[in-house]
Amino acid sequence: MTVDERLAEARTALHQLQLGRGEIEVSYDGQTVKYARADIGRLKAYISELEAEKKGLPARGNIRVSF
């Protein structure tokens, strides 16, 4: 599955969750990940990773802030 195909699938899953569907499955490389409405932030992060991969940018790690 190409990056474009995974990105389209992830965007469709996000749209379905935002419309109120209970649980969505996204599959790639033989793995299936289930997302529920509570996982929208995680799904958006996955979409951002795919967009970065498509552009050839390195994946971003966690941003830590300390005071």
PDB file of N, CA and C in Angstrom:
ATOM      1  N   MET A   1       0.858  -1.175   0.000  1.00  0.00           N
ATOM      2  CA  MET A   1       0.000   0.000   0.000  1.00  0.00           C
ATOM      3  C   MET A   1       0.904   1.239   0.000  1.00  0.00           C
ATOM      4  N   THR A   2       0.621   2.164  -0.853  1.00  0.00           N
ATOM      5  CA  THR A   2       1.436   3.373  -0.965  1.00  0.00           C
ATOM      6  C   THR A   2       1.084   4.376   0.129  1.00  0.00           C
ATOM      7  N   VAL A   3       1.938   5.369   0.282  1.00  0.00           N
ATOM      8  CA  VAL A   3       1.677   6.430   1.262  1.00  0.00           C
ATOM      9  C   VAL A   3       0.380   7.141   0.913  1.00  0.00           C
ATOM     10  N   ASP A   4       0.157   7.409  -0.367  1.00  0.00           N
ATOM     11  CA  ASP A   4      -1.078   8.092  -0.772  1.00  0.00           C
ATOM     12  C   ASP A   4      -2.314   7.270  -0.414  1.00  0.00           C
ATOM     13  N   GLU A   5      -2.240   5.963  -0.594  1.00  0.00           N
ATOM     14  CA  GLU A   5      -3.373   5.100  -0.262  1.00  0.00           C
ATOM     15  C   GLU A   5      -3.614   5.064   1.242  1.00  0.00           C
ATOM     16  N   ARG A   6      -2.533   4.958   2.019  1.00  0.00           N
ATOM     17  CA  ARG A   6      -2.680   4.966   3.481  1.00  0.00           C
ATOM     18  C   ARG A   6      -3.219   6.296   3.964  1.00  0.00           C
ATOM     19  N   LEU A   7      -2.756   7.391   3.354  1.00  0.00           N
ATOM     20  CA  LEU A   7      -3.223   8.722   3.733  1.00  0.00           C
ATOM     21  C   LEU A   7      -4.711   8.876   3.427  1.00  0.00           C
ATOM     22  N   ALA A   8      -5.136   8.418   2.265  1.00  0.00           N
ATOM     23  CA  ALA A   8      -6.560   8.498   1.896  1.00  0.00           C
ATOM     24  C   ALA A   8      -7.407   7.672   2.864  1.00  0.00           C
ATOM     25  N   GLU A   9      -6.934   6.480   3.212  1.00  0.00           N
ATOM     26  CA  GLU A   9      -7.673   5.628   4.141  1.00  0.00           C
ATOM     27  C   GLU A   9      -7.763   6.276   5.524  1.00  0.00           C
ATOM     28  N   ALA A  10      -6.665   6.846   5.987  1.00  0.00           N
ATOM     29  CA  ALA A  10      -6.663   7.492   7.302  1.00  0.00           C
ATOM     30  C   ALA A  10      -7.570   8.722   7.317  1.00  0.00           C
ATOM     31  N   ARG A  11      -7.545   9.496   6.257  1.00  0.00           N
ATOM     32  CA  ARG A  11      -8.427  10.678   6.183  1.00  0.00           C
ATOM     33  C   ARG A  11      -9.895  10.270   6.152  1.00  0.00           C
ATOM     34  N   THR A  12     -10.203   9.209   5.426  1.00  0.00           N
ATOM     35  CA  THR A  12     -11.582   8.701   5.377  1.00  0.00           C
ATOM     36  C   THR A  12     -12.007   8.224   6.763  1.00  0.00           C
ATOM     37  N   ALA A  13     -11.110   7.520   7.465  1.00  0.00           N
ATOM     38  CA  ALA A  13     -11.414   7.051   8.814  1.00  0.00           C
ATOM     39  C   ALA A  13     -11.675   8.225   9.749  1.00  0.00           C
ATOM     40  N   LEU A  14     -10.852   9.261   9.658  1.00  0.00           N
ATOM     41  CA  LEU A  14     -11.043  10.453  10.492  1.00  0.00           C
ATOM     42  C   LEU A  14     -12.401  11.082  10.214  1.00  0.00           C
ATOM     43  N   HIS A  15     -12.738  11.190   8.949  1.00  0.00           N
ATOM     44  CA  HIS A  15     -14.031  11.771   8.569  1.00  0.00           C
ATOM     45  C   HIS A  15     -15.185  10.948   9.156  1.00  0.00           C
ATOM     46  N   GLN A  16     -15.076   9.626   9.054  1.00  0.00           N
ATOM     47  CA  GLN A  16     -16.126   8.759   9.593  1.00  0.00           C
ATOM     48  C   GLN A  16     -16.257   8.923  11.111  1.00  0.00           C
ATOM     49  N   LEU A  17     -15.146   9.021  11.804  1.00  0.00           N
ATOM     50  CA  LEU A  17     -15.198   9.225  13.256  1.00  0.00           C
ATOM     51  C   LEU A  17     -15.824  10.570  13.600  1.00  0.00           C
ATOM     52  N   GLN A  18     -15.478  11.589  12.826  1.00  0.00           N
ATOM     53  CA  GLN A  18     -16.034  12.911  13.089  1.00  0.00           C
ATOM     54  C   GLN A  18     -17.533  12.952  12.812  1.00  0.00           C
ATOM     55  N   LEU A  19     -18.011  12.044  11.968  1.00  0.00           N
ATOM     56  CA  LEU A  19     -19.442  11.950  11.694  1.00  0.00           C
ATOM     57  C   LEU A  19     -20.179  11.130  12.747  1.00  0.00           C
ATOM     58  N   GLY A  20     -19.404  10.521  13.671  1.00  0.00           N
ATOM     59  CA  GLY A  20     -20.030   9.805  14.762  1.00  0.00           C
ATOM     60  C   GLY A  20     -19.991   8.293  14.679  1.00  0.00           C
ATOM     61  N   ARG A  21     -19.316   7.725  13.691  1.00  0.00           N
ATOM     62  CA  ARG A  21     -19.191   6.267  13.649  1.00  0.00           C
ATOM     63  C   ARG A  21     -18.432   5.815  14.876  1.00  0.00           C
ATOM     64  N   GLY A  22     -18.812   4.689  15.414  1.00  0.00           N
ATOM     65  CA  GLY A  22     -18.252   4.226  16.670  1.00  0.00           C
ATOM     66  C   GLY A  22     -16.798   3.826  16.637  1.00  0.00           C
ATOM     67  N   GLU A  23     -16.425   2.984  15.692  1.00  0.00           N
ATOM     68  CA  GLU A  23     -15.055   2.488  15.633  1.00  0.00           C
ATOM     69  C   GLU A  23     -14.669   2.254  14.177  1.00  0.00           C
ATOM     70  N   ILE A  24     -13.440   2.609  13.833  1.00  0.00           N
ATOM     71  CA  ILE A  24     -12.935   2.505  12.466  1.00  0.00           C
ATOM     72  C   ILE A  24     -11.661   1.681  12.492  1.00  0.00           C
ATOM     73  N   GLU A  25     -11.466   0.853  11.461  1.00  0.00           N
ATOM     74  CA  GLU A  25     -10.233   0.088  11.332  1.00  0.00           C
ATOM     75  C   GLU A  25      -9.417   0.623  10.167  1.00  0.00           C
ATOM     76  N   VAL A  26      -8.115   0.770  10.385  1.00  0.00           N
ATOM     77  CA  VAL A  26      -7.181   1.189   9.342  1.00  0.00           C
ATOM     78  C   VAL A  26      -6.126   0.094   9.257  1.00  0.00           C
ATOM     79  N   SER A  27      -5.910  -0.439   8.040  1.00  0.00           N
ATOM     80  CA  SER A  27      -4.965  -1.542   7.860  1.00  0.00           C
ATOM     81  C   SER A  27      -3.825  -1.137   6.946  1.00  0.00           C
ATOM     82  N   TYR A  28      -2.610  -1.598   7.280  1.00  0.00           N
ATOM     83  CA  TYR A  28      -1.454  -1.413   6.416  1.00  0.00           C
ATOM     84  C   TYR A  28      -0.370  -2.379   6.840  1.00  0.00           C
ATOM     85  N   ASP A  29       0.404  -2.826   5.902  1.00  0.00           N
ATOM     86  CA  ASP A  29       1.506  -3.755   6.148  1.00  0.00           C
ATOM     87  C   ASP A  29       1.088  -4.954   6.994  1.00  0.00           C
ATOM     88  N   GLY A  30      -0.099  -5.477   6.742  1.00  0.00           N
ATOM     89  CA  GLY A  30      -0.557  -6.655   7.466  1.00  0.00           C
ATOM     90  C   GLY A  30      -1.029  -6.392   8.882  1.00  0.00           C
ATOM     91  N   GLN A  31      -1.088  -5.143   9.291  1.00  0.00           N
ATOM     92  CA  GLN A  31      -1.536  -4.791  10.639  1.00  0.00           C
ATOM     93  C   GLN A  31      -2.831  -3.999  10.554  1.00  0.00           C
ATOM     94  N   THR A  32      -3.682  -4.198  11.520  1.00  0.00           N
ATOM     95  CA  THR A  32      -4.928  -3.448  11.607  1.00  0.00           C
ATOM     96  C   THR A  32      -4.956  -2.688  12.923  1.00  0.00           C
ATOM     97  N   VAL A  33      -5.270  -1.404  12.830  1.00  0.00           N
ATOM     98  CA  VAL A  33      -5.381  -0.564  14.025  1.00  0.00           C
ATOM     99  C   VAL A  33      -6.815  -0.059  14.093  1.00  0.00           C
ATOM    100  N   LYS A  34      -7.414  -0.175  15.262  1.00  0.00           N
ATOM    101  CA  LYS A  34      -8.779   0.307  15.459  1.00  0.00           C
ATOM    102  C   LYS A  34      -8.741   1.667  16.142  1.00  0.00           C
ATOM    103  N   TYR A  35      -9.546   2.583  15.639  1.00  0.00           N
ATOM    104  CA  TYR A  35      -9.657   3.915  16.218  1.00  0.00           C
ATOM    105  C   TYR A  35     -11.103   4.152  16.633  1.00  0.00           C
ATOM    106  N   ALA A  36     -11.284   4.717  17.791  1.00  0.00           N
ATOM    107  CA  ALA A  36     -12.601   5.125  18.272  1.00  0.00           C
ATOM    108  C   ALA A  36     -12.607   6.650  18.354  1.00  0.00           C
ATOM    109  N   ARG A  37     -13.744   7.207  18.639  1.00  0.00           N
ATOM    110  CA  ARG A  37     -13.861   8.672  18.700  1.00  0.00           C
ATOM    111  C   ARG A  37     -12.823   9.269  19.660  1.00  0.00           C
ATOM    112  N   ALA A  38     -12.530   8.576  20.725  1.00  0.00           N
ATOM    113  CA  ALA A  38     -11.551   9.077  21.701  1.00  0.00           C
ATOM    114  C   ALA A  38     -10.134   9.103  21.132  1.00  0.00           C
ATOM    115  N   ASP A  39      -9.908   8.411  20.023  1.00  0.00           N
ATOM    116  CA  ASP A  39      -8.579   8.323  19.414  1.00  0.00           C
ATOM    117  C   ASP A  39      -8.364   9.309  18.266  1.00  0.00           C
ATOM    118  N   ILE A  40      -9.250  10.267  18.110  1.00  0.00           N
ATOM    119  CA  ILE A  40      -9.135  11.208  16.994  1.00  0.00           C
ATOM    120  C   ILE A  40      -7.777  11.908  17.000  1.00  0.00           C
ATOM    121  N   GLY A  41      -7.281  12.285  18.155  1.00  0.00           N
ATOM    122  CA  GLY A  41      -5.964  12.931  18.233  1.00  0.00           C
ATOM    123  C   GLY A  41      -4.857  12.026  17.727  1.00  0.00           C
ATOM    124  N   ARG A  42      -4.926  10.746  18.088  1.00  0.00           N
ATOM    125  CA  ARG A  42      -3.939   9.768  17.612  1.00  0.00           C
ATOM    126  C   ARG A  42      -4.015   9.586  16.107  1.00  0.00           C
ATOM    127  N   LEU A  43      -5.224   9.561  15.572  1.00  0.00           N
ATOM    128  CA  LEU A  43      -5.414   9.409  14.129  1.00  0.00           C
ATOM    129  C   LEU A  43      -4.901  10.646  13.394  1.00  0.00           C
ATOM    130  N   LYS A  44      -5.130  11.830  13.946  1.00  0.00           N
ATOM    131  CA  LYS A  44      -4.601  13.055  13.334  1.00  0.00           C
ATOM    132  C   LYS A  44      -3.077  13.047  13.334  1.00  0.00           C
ATOM    133  N   ALA A  45      -2.477  12.531  14.398  1.00  0.00           N
ATOM    134  CA  ALA A  45      -1.024  12.433  14.462  1.00  0.00           C
ATOM    135  C   ALA A  45      -0.510  11.468  13.388  1.00  0.00           C
ATOM    136  N   TYR A  46      -1.213  10.364  13.189  1.00  0.00           N
ATOM    137  CA  TYR A  46      -0.846   9.401  12.155  1.00  0.00           C
ATOM    138  C   TYR A  46      -0.928  10.051  10.773  1.00  0.00           C
ATOM    139  N   ILE A  47      -1.968  10.832  10.542  1.00  0.00           N
ATOM    140  CA  ILE A  47      -2.125  11.533   9.263  1.00  0.00           C
ATOM    141  C   ILE A  47      -0.963  12.506   9.068  1.00  0.00           C
ATOM    142  N   SER A  48      -0.583  13.217  10.115  1.00  0.00           N
ATOM    143  CA  SER A  48       0.559  14.142  10.022  1.00  0.00           C
ATOM    144  C   SER A  48       1.844  13.403   9.687  1.00  0.00           C
ATOM    145  N   GLU A  49       2.042  12.226  10.285  1.00  0.00           N
ATOM    146  CA  GLU A  49       3.222  11.417   9.978  1.00  0.00           C
ATOM    147  C   GLU A  49       3.235  10.998   8.510  1.00  0.00           C
ATOM    148  N   LEU A  50       2.082  10.577   8.005  1.00  0.00           N
ATOM    149  CA  LEU A  50       1.992  10.171   6.602  1.00  0.00           C
ATOM    150  C   LEU A  50       2.247  11.346   5.668  1.00  0.00           C
ATOM    151  N   GLU A  51       1.712  12.516   6.014  1.00  0.00           N
ATOM    152  CA  GLU A  51       1.943  13.707   5.194  1.00  0.00           C
ATOM    153  C   GLU A  51       3.422  14.059   5.165  1.00  0.00           C
ATOM    154  N   ALA A  52       4.099  13.935   6.308  1.00  0.00           N
ATOM    155  CA  ALA A  52       5.535  14.204   6.370  1.00  0.00           C
ATOM    156  C   ALA A  52       6.303  13.175   5.540  1.00  0.00           C
ATOM    157  N   GLU A  53       5.909  11.915   5.645  1.00  0.00           N
ATOM    158  CA  GLU A  53       6.558  10.859   4.862  1.00  0.00           C
ATOM    159  C   GLU A  53       6.391  11.120   3.366  1.00  0.00           C
ATOM    160  N   LYS A  54       5.211  11.555   2.984  1.00  0.00           N
ATOM    161  CA  LYS A  54       4.926  11.848   1.574  1.00  0.00           C
ATOM    162  C   LYS A  54       5.829  12.975   1.065  1.00  0.00           C
ATOM    163  N   LYS A  55       6.099  13.946   1.927  1.00  0.00           N
ATOM    164  CA  LYS A  55       6.949  15.073   1.557  1.00  0.00           C
ATOM    165  C   LYS A  55       8.426  14.764   1.717  1.00  0.00           C
ATOM    166  N   GLY A  56       8.742  13.581   2.248  1.00  0.00           N
ATOM    167  CA  GLY A  56      10.136  13.201   2.445  1.00  0.00           C
ATOM    168  C   GLY A  56      10.753  13.797   3.682  1.00  0.00           C
ATOM    169  N   LEU A  57       9.933  14.248   4.613  1.00  0.00           N
ATOM    170  CA  LEU A  57      10.434  14.842   5.854  1.00  0.00           C
ATOM    171  C   LEU A  57      10.566  13.761   6.921  1.00  0.00           C
ATOM    172  N   PRO A  58      11.492  13.924   7.837  1.00  0.00           N
ATOM    173  CA  PRO A  58      11.601  12.946   8.921  1.00  0.00           C
ATOM    174  C   PRO A  58      10.396  13.056   9.849  1.00  0.00           C
ATOM    175  N   ALA A  59      10.016  11.932  10.440  1.00  0.00           N
ATOM    176  CA  ALA A  59       8.902  11.936  11.380  1.00  0.00           C
ATOM    177  C   ALA A  59       9.276  12.736  12.616  1.00  0.00           C
ATOM    178  N   ARG A  60       8.323  13.476  13.148  1.00  0.00           N
ATOM    179  CA  ARG A  60       8.578  14.275  14.342  1.00  0.00           C
ATOM    180  C   ARG A  60       8.351  13.443  15.576  1.00  0.00           C
ATOM    181  N   GLY A  61       9.179  13.646  16.553  1.00  0.00           N
ATOM    182  CA  GLY A  61       9.020  12.981  17.829  1.00  0.00           C
ATOM    183  C   GLY A  61       8.138  13.811  18.736  1.00  0.00           C
ATOM    184  N   ASN A  62       8.032  13.384  19.956  1.00  0.00           N
ATOM    185  CA  ASN A  62       7.250  14.128  20.934  1.00  0.00           C
ATOM    186  C   ASN A  62       7.924  15.450  21.250  1.00  0.00           C
ATOM    187  N   ILE A  63       7.120  16.452  21.465  1.00  0.00           N
ATOM    188  CA  ILE A  63       7.627  17.758  21.872  1.00  0.00           C
ATOM    189  C   ILE A  63       7.453  17.843  23.378  1.00  0.00           C
ATOM    190  N   ARG A  64       8.534  18.146  24.067  1.00  0.00           N
ATOM    191  CA  ARG A  64       8.478  18.238  25.521  1.00  0.00           C
ATOM    192  C   ARG A  64       8.745  19.676  25.946  1.00  0.00           C
ATOM    193  N   VAL A  65       7.930  20.122  26.865  1.00  0.00           N
ATOM    194  CA  VAL A  65       8.068  21.466  27.398  1.00  0.00           C
ATOM    195  C   VAL A  65       8.278  21.347  28.894  1.00  0.00           C
ATOM    196  N   SER A  66       9.268  22.042  29.395  1.00  0.00           N
ATOM    197  CA  SER A  66       9.466  22.044  30.835  1.00  0.00           C
ATOM    198  C   SER A  66       9.701  23.470  31.294  1.00  0.00           C
ATOM    199  N   PHE A  67       9.336  23.721  32.513  1.00  0.00           N
ATOM    200  CA  PHE A  67       9.484  25.055  33.086  1.00  0.00           C
ATOM    201  C   PHE A  67      10.351  24.993  34.295  1.00  0.00           C
TER     202      PHE A  67
END
